[in-house]
N, C-alpha and C. Protein backbone atom coordinates (compact mmCIF):
# COMPACT_ATOMS: atom_id res chain seq x y z
N MET A 1 0.79 -1.15 0.05
CA MET A 1 0.02 -0.05 -0.01
C MET A 1 0.75 1.30 -0.02
N THR A 2 0.43 2.22 -0.61
CA THR A 2 1.12 3.57 -0.86
C THR A 2 1.03 4.44 0.29
N GLU A 3 2.16 4.69 0.99
CA GLU A 3 2.00 5.77 2.06
C GLU A 3 2.11 7.08 1.47
N THR A 4 0.91 7.78 1.95
CA THR A 4 0.59 9.27 1.52
C THR A 4 0.72 10.36 2.59
N MET A 5 0.79 11.56 1.83
CA MET A 5 0.89 12.57 2.69
C MET A 5 -0.42 13.46 2.30
N THR A 6 -1.16 14.07 3.38
CA THR A 6 -2.30 14.97 3.17
C THR A 6 -1.81 16.28 2.93
N LEU A 7 -2.34 16.86 1.76
CA LEU A 7 -2.18 18.25 1.40
C LEU A 7 -3.49 19.04 1.45
N TRP A 8 -3.22 20.28 1.42
CA TRP A 8 -4.46 21.18 1.47
C TRP A 8 -4.36 22.18 0.28
N ARG A 9 -5.57 22.54 -0.23
CA ARG A 9 -5.29 23.58 -1.33
C ARG A 9 -6.43 24.58 -1.19
N PRO A 10 -6.35 25.84 -1.00
CA PRO A 10 -7.16 26.93 -1.06
C PRO A 10 -7.31 27.25 -2.44
N THR A 11 -8.64 27.30 -2.88
CA THR A 11 -8.99 27.53 -4.23
C THR A 11 -10.12 28.47 -4.38
N GLY A 12 -10.42 29.12 -5.71
CA GLY A 12 -11.52 29.78 -5.83
C GLY A 12 -12.44 28.96 -6.71
N PRO A 13 -13.57 29.49 -7.25
CA PRO A 13 -14.47 28.71 -8.17
C PRO A 13 -13.99 28.24 -9.48
N LYS A 14 -13.16 29.01 -10.05
CA LYS A 14 -12.84 28.72 -11.48
C LYS A 14 -11.89 27.25 -11.29
N GLU A 15 -10.82 27.51 -10.47
CA GLU A 15 -10.06 26.23 -10.32
C GLU A 15 -11.00 25.14 -9.88
N LEU A 16 -11.78 25.28 -8.98
CA LEU A 16 -12.60 24.30 -8.42
C LEU A 16 -13.49 23.70 -9.49
N ASP A 17 -13.93 24.39 -10.38
CA ASP A 17 -14.84 23.87 -11.41
C ASP A 17 -13.93 23.06 -12.48
N LEU A 18 -12.59 23.27 -12.61
CA LEU A 18 -11.70 22.55 -13.32
C LEU A 18 -11.52 21.16 -12.73
N VAL A 19 -11.25 21.33 -11.30
CA VAL A 19 -11.07 19.99 -10.56
C VAL A 19 -12.25 19.14 -10.68
N ARG A 20 -13.34 19.72 -10.54
CA ARG A 20 -14.64 18.81 -10.84
C ARG A 20 -14.83 18.27 -11.98
N ALA A 21 -14.33 18.90 -13.10
CA ALA A 21 -14.44 18.66 -14.59
C ALA A 21 -13.60 17.32 -14.71
N SER A 22 -12.37 17.08 -13.84
CA SER A 22 -11.36 16.14 -14.04
C SER A 22 -11.96 14.85 -13.47
N GLY A 23 -13.09 15.14 -12.73
CA GLY A 23 -13.64 13.75 -11.97
C GLY A 23 -13.14 13.85 -10.66
N TRP A 24 -12.63 14.96 -10.07
CA TRP A 24 -11.98 15.27 -8.85
C TRP A 24 -10.72 14.40 -8.78
N THR A 25 -10.02 14.41 -9.78
CA THR A 25 -8.54 13.66 -9.73
C THR A 25 -7.25 14.47 -9.95
N ALA A 26 -7.65 15.64 -10.55
CA ALA A 26 -6.37 16.38 -11.00
C ALA A 26 -6.66 17.93 -10.89
N TRP A 27 -5.30 18.54 -10.53
CA TRP A 27 -5.39 19.91 -10.56
C TRP A 27 -5.25 20.65 -11.91
N PRO A 28 -5.87 21.53 -12.40
CA PRO A 28 -5.59 22.00 -13.86
C PRO A 28 -4.35 22.81 -14.01
N PRO A 29 -3.82 22.79 -15.21
CA PRO A 29 -2.63 23.40 -15.66
C PRO A 29 -2.71 24.85 -14.97
N ARG A 30 -1.58 25.42 -14.71
CA ARG A 30 -1.02 26.72 -14.30
C ARG A 30 -1.45 27.83 -15.43
N LEU A 31 -1.81 28.78 -15.19
CA LEU A 31 -2.00 30.03 -16.12
C LEU A 31 -0.55 30.54 -16.32
N PRO A 32 -0.43 31.19 -17.42
CA PRO A 32 1.12 31.67 -17.84
C PRO A 32 1.59 32.51 -16.66
N ASP A 33 0.92 33.14 -15.94
CA ASP A 33 1.48 34.06 -14.87
C ASP A 33 1.53 33.33 -13.46
N GLN A 34 1.33 31.86 -13.54
CA GLN A 34 1.35 31.08 -12.31
C GLN A 34 2.26 30.06 -12.55
N PRO A 35 3.67 30.41 -12.23
CA PRO A 35 4.95 29.33 -12.46
C PRO A 35 4.71 28.32 -11.47
N ILE A 36 4.06 28.35 -10.47
CA ILE A 36 4.16 27.42 -9.22
C ILE A 36 2.86 26.98 -8.86
N PHE A 37 2.59 25.69 -8.50
CA PHE A 37 1.35 25.29 -7.79
C PHE A 37 1.94 24.99 -6.37
N TYR A 38 1.20 25.62 -5.63
CA TYR A 38 1.37 25.47 -4.14
C TYR A 38 0.40 24.87 -3.15
N PRO A 39 0.47 23.85 -2.99
CA PRO A 39 -0.36 23.11 -2.01
C PRO A 39 0.04 23.30 -0.69
N VAL A 40 -0.72 23.34 0.34
CA VAL A 40 -0.15 23.70 1.71
C VAL A 40 -0.39 22.60 2.63
N LEU A 41 0.52 22.63 3.65
CA LEU A 41 0.68 21.19 4.70
C LEU A 41 -0.28 21.42 5.67
N ASN A 42 -1.06 22.68 6.14
CA ASN A 42 -1.90 22.23 7.25
C ASN A 42 -3.38 22.99 6.87
N GLU A 43 -4.34 22.38 7.44
CA GLU A 43 -5.64 22.98 7.12
C GLU A 43 -6.01 24.40 7.63
N GLN A 44 -5.46 24.65 8.69
CA GLN A 44 -5.70 26.14 9.08
C GLN A 44 -5.18 27.22 8.17
N TYR A 45 -4.10 26.94 7.53
CA TYR A 45 -3.38 27.88 6.82
C TYR A 45 -4.29 28.00 5.53
N ALA A 46 -4.75 26.71 4.95
CA ALA A 46 -5.69 26.75 3.83
C ALA A 46 -6.85 27.58 4.08
N ILE A 47 -7.52 27.32 5.25
CA ILE A 47 -8.63 28.05 5.60
C ILE A 47 -8.55 29.52 5.50
N MET A 48 -7.39 29.99 6.02
CA MET A 48 -7.12 31.42 6.15
C MET A 48 -6.91 32.13 4.75
N ILE A 49 -6.27 31.22 3.65
CA ILE A 49 -6.37 31.71 2.59
C ILE A 49 -7.63 31.72 1.78
N ALA A 50 -8.31 30.75 1.91
CA ALA A 50 -9.48 30.61 1.23
C ALA A 50 -10.45 31.76 1.69
N ARG A 51 -10.56 31.89 3.15
CA ARG A 51 -11.51 32.95 3.67
C ARG A 51 -10.97 34.34 3.53
N ASP A 52 -9.67 34.55 3.82
CA ASP A 52 -9.39 36.02 3.58
C ASP A 52 -8.86 36.57 2.29
N TRP A 53 -8.53 35.61 1.38
CA TRP A 53 -7.99 35.91 0.01
C TRP A 53 -9.04 35.57 -1.03
N ASN A 54 -9.49 34.35 -0.81
CA ASN A 54 -10.43 34.11 -2.21
C ASN A 54 -11.66 34.52 -2.08
N VAL A 55 -12.24 34.67 -0.97
CA VAL A 55 -13.72 35.22 -0.77
C VAL A 55 -13.68 36.62 -1.27
N PRO A 56 -12.66 37.53 -0.86
CA PRO A 56 -12.65 38.91 -1.38
C PRO A 56 -12.39 39.07 -3.06
N ALA A 57 -11.56 37.92 -3.36
CA ALA A 57 -11.28 38.11 -4.85
C ALA A 57 -12.29 37.61 -5.79
N SER A 58 -13.05 36.54 -5.28
CA SER A 58 -13.98 35.89 -6.31
C SER A 58 -15.46 35.60 -5.59
N GLY A 59 -15.73 36.10 -4.40
CA GLY A 59 -16.70 35.99 -3.91
C GLY A 59 -17.13 34.81 -3.02
N VAL A 60 -16.13 33.62 -3.09
CA VAL A 60 -16.15 32.57 -2.57
C VAL A 60 -15.02 31.73 -2.51
N GLY A 61 -14.61 30.98 -1.49
CA GLY A 61 -13.18 30.34 -1.27
C GLY A 61 -13.59 29.01 -0.70
N TYR A 62 -12.78 28.04 -1.33
CA TYR A 62 -12.87 26.80 -0.92
C TYR A 62 -11.72 26.24 -0.32
N VAL A 63 -11.66 25.14 0.37
CA VAL A 63 -10.52 24.33 0.71
C VAL A 63 -10.69 23.00 0.31
N ALA A 64 -9.64 22.51 -0.51
CA ALA A 64 -9.62 20.85 -0.82
C ALA A 64 -8.74 20.23 -0.09
N ARG A 65 -8.81 19.08 0.14
CA ARG A 65 -8.01 18.08 0.73
C ARG A 65 -7.74 16.94 -0.12
N PHE A 66 -6.17 16.57 -0.32
CA PHE A 66 -6.12 15.44 -1.09
C PHE A 66 -4.83 14.85 -0.60
N GLU A 67 -4.65 13.49 -0.98
CA GLU A 67 -3.49 12.69 -0.77
C GLU A 67 -2.63 12.61 -1.99
N VAL A 68 -1.31 12.53 -1.61
CA VAL A 68 -0.09 12.21 -2.59
C VAL A 68 0.68 11.22 -2.28
N ASP A 69 1.35 10.55 -3.18
CA ASP A 69 2.33 9.58 -2.71
C ASP A 69 3.49 10.22 -1.93
N ARG A 70 3.69 9.77 -0.80
CA ARG A 70 4.76 10.44 0.06
C ARG A 70 6.01 10.46 -0.55
N GLU A 71 6.48 9.38 -1.13
CA GLU A 71 7.75 9.21 -1.47
C GLU A 71 7.93 10.18 -2.74
N PHE A 72 6.90 10.19 -3.59
CA PHE A 72 7.21 11.12 -4.88
C PHE A 72 7.12 12.64 -4.35
N VAL A 73 6.27 12.95 -3.40
CA VAL A 73 6.09 14.40 -2.89
C VAL A 73 7.36 14.86 -2.28
N SER A 74 8.22 13.89 -1.73
CA SER A 74 9.36 14.32 -0.75
C SER A 74 10.35 15.15 -1.73
N ARG A 75 10.29 15.03 -3.01
CA ARG A 75 11.17 15.62 -3.83
C ARG A 75 11.09 17.26 -3.87
N TYR A 76 9.95 17.69 -3.24
CA TYR A 76 9.72 19.04 -3.23
C TYR A 76 9.92 19.59 -1.78
N PRO A 77 10.75 20.46 -1.67
CA PRO A 77 11.02 20.99 -0.17
C PRO A 77 9.74 21.72 0.36
N VAL A 78 9.66 21.66 1.69
CA VAL A 78 8.82 22.22 2.36
C VAL A 78 9.26 23.90 2.42
N ARG A 79 8.47 24.67 2.13
CA ARG A 79 8.71 26.06 2.22
C ARG A 79 7.82 26.80 3.18
N GLN A 80 8.64 27.67 4.03
CA GLN A 80 7.94 28.50 5.21
C GLN A 80 7.72 29.64 4.63
N ALA A 81 6.43 30.03 4.46
CA ALA A 81 6.07 31.42 3.67
C ALA A 81 5.62 32.40 4.57
N GLY A 82 6.11 32.08 5.91
CA GLY A 82 5.67 33.13 7.04
C GLY A 82 5.89 32.68 8.27
N GLY A 83 4.95 32.51 9.08
CA GLY A 83 5.16 31.99 10.52
C GLY A 83 5.38 30.48 10.41
N ARG A 84 5.69 29.89 11.62
CA ARG A 84 6.09 28.53 11.57
C ARG A 84 4.97 27.57 11.11
N ASP A 85 3.89 27.94 11.02
CA ASP A 85 2.85 27.07 10.63
C ASP A 85 2.41 27.27 9.05
N ILE A 86 2.97 28.31 8.44
CA ILE A 86 2.65 28.66 7.08
C ILE A 86 3.74 27.93 6.02
N LEU A 87 3.13 26.68 5.84
CA LEU A 87 4.11 25.69 5.01
C LEU A 87 3.51 25.30 3.84
N GLU A 88 4.25 25.44 2.80
CA GLU A 88 3.67 25.15 1.41
C GLU A 88 4.80 24.24 0.66
N LEU A 89 4.15 23.44 -0.40
CA LEU A 89 5.13 22.82 -1.20
C LEU A 89 5.03 23.73 -2.64
N TRP A 90 6.13 23.84 -3.24
CA TRP A 90 6.31 24.56 -4.55
C TRP A 90 6.57 23.49 -5.54
N VAL A 91 5.53 23.38 -6.40
CA VAL A 91 5.61 22.55 -7.51
C VAL A 91 5.69 23.25 -8.88
N PRO A 92 6.75 23.12 -9.50
CA PRO A 92 6.80 23.88 -10.86
C PRO A 92 5.76 23.50 -11.70
N ALA A 93 4.97 24.65 -12.35
CA ALA A 93 4.07 24.44 -13.10
C ALA A 93 4.04 23.37 -14.07
N GLU A 94 5.57 23.07 -14.74
CA GLU A 94 5.58 22.20 -15.82
C GLU A 94 5.72 20.72 -15.18
N GLU A 95 5.63 20.73 -13.71
CA GLU A 95 5.53 19.21 -13.39
C GLU A 95 4.30 18.87 -12.64
N LEU A 96 3.30 19.57 -12.99
CA LEU A 96 2.03 19.48 -12.40
C LEU A 96 1.42 18.28 -13.00
N ASP A 97 1.45 18.01 -14.38
CA ASP A 97 0.85 16.68 -14.77
C ASP A 97 1.53 15.56 -13.99
N GLU A 98 2.79 15.47 -13.65
CA GLU A 98 3.31 14.28 -13.08
C GLU A 98 3.03 14.51 -11.63
N PHE A 99 2.91 15.47 -11.04
CA PHE A 99 2.32 15.53 -9.59
C PHE A 99 0.87 14.77 -9.57
N ASN A 100 0.04 15.22 -10.55
CA ASN A 100 -1.38 14.83 -10.56
C ASN A 100 -1.36 13.19 -10.51
N ARG A 101 -0.42 12.88 -11.38
CA ARG A 101 -0.48 11.18 -11.44
C ARG A 101 0.09 10.52 -10.13
N HIS A 102 0.36 11.27 -9.30
CA HIS A 102 0.66 10.76 -8.08
C HIS A 102 -0.24 10.93 -6.96
N ASN A 103 -1.35 11.59 -7.34
CA ASN A 103 -2.42 11.88 -6.37
C ASN A 103 -3.18 10.48 -6.15
N VAL A 104 -3.38 10.19 -4.80
CA VAL A 104 -3.95 8.93 -4.33
C VAL A 104 -5.37 9.18 -3.89
N GLY A 105 -6.36 8.71 -4.73
CA GLY A 105 -7.72 8.89 -4.30
C GLY A 105 -8.31 10.19 -5.04
N LEU A 106 -9.47 10.47 -4.44
CA LEU A 106 -10.03 11.85 -4.97
C LEU A 106 -9.70 13.00 -4.23
N ILE A 107 -9.90 14.16 -4.85
CA ILE A 107 -9.65 15.56 -4.29
C ILE A 107 -10.93 15.75 -3.68
N GLU A 108 -11.07 16.28 -2.32
CA GLU A 108 -12.15 16.35 -1.60
C GLU A 108 -12.09 17.86 -1.28
N MET A 109 -13.74 18.54 -1.65
CA MET A 109 -13.79 19.97 -1.22
C MET A 109 -14.26 19.71 0.21
N VAL A 110 -13.55 20.41 1.11
CA VAL A 110 -13.82 20.14 2.70
C VAL A 110 -14.44 21.33 3.38
N HIS A 111 -14.44 22.35 2.80
CA HIS A 111 -14.77 23.84 3.14
C HIS A 111 -15.14 24.76 2.30
N ASP A 112 -16.10 25.46 2.66
CA ASP A 112 -16.40 26.79 1.66
C ASP A 112 -16.83 27.94 2.44
N PHE A 113 -16.31 29.05 2.01
CA PHE A 113 -16.35 30.37 2.76
C PHE A 113 -17.13 31.28 1.61
N ARG A 114 -18.06 32.17 2.34
CA ARG A 114 -18.76 33.00 1.61
C ARG A 114 -18.75 34.37 2.27
N PRO A 115 -19.03 35.61 1.81
CA PRO A 115 -19.06 36.83 2.55
C PRO A 115 -19.88 36.71 3.90
N GLY A 116 -19.32 37.05 4.91
CA GLY A 116 -19.91 36.89 6.16
C GLY A 116 -19.82 35.77 6.82
N SER A 117 -19.12 34.67 6.37
CA SER A 117 -19.16 33.44 7.01
C SER A 117 -17.71 33.48 7.82
């Protein structure tokens, strides 16, 4: 059995629609101005981004949870993007297809935030 790592992804409605279209199995390609795909390592950080950034930007923010093969994902160093719990993986956009092939199971939408929530 594959050992996995749980990752979280704060996202907006457009990205979530593309994940849904994939059958909840893959993250969509990055846009030209997005050279990095950055899943985060803890739920609270993902909630903060979805609630505080995605809601003002697009009217709704989501948090997705997904599992990735731990051995594969270990190639990406953990980046501290702020405080000690503000941890991300930085996956180069050109490696996202391979990253998606190492997802284990389905991507799950676990939180949604709207104005006033």
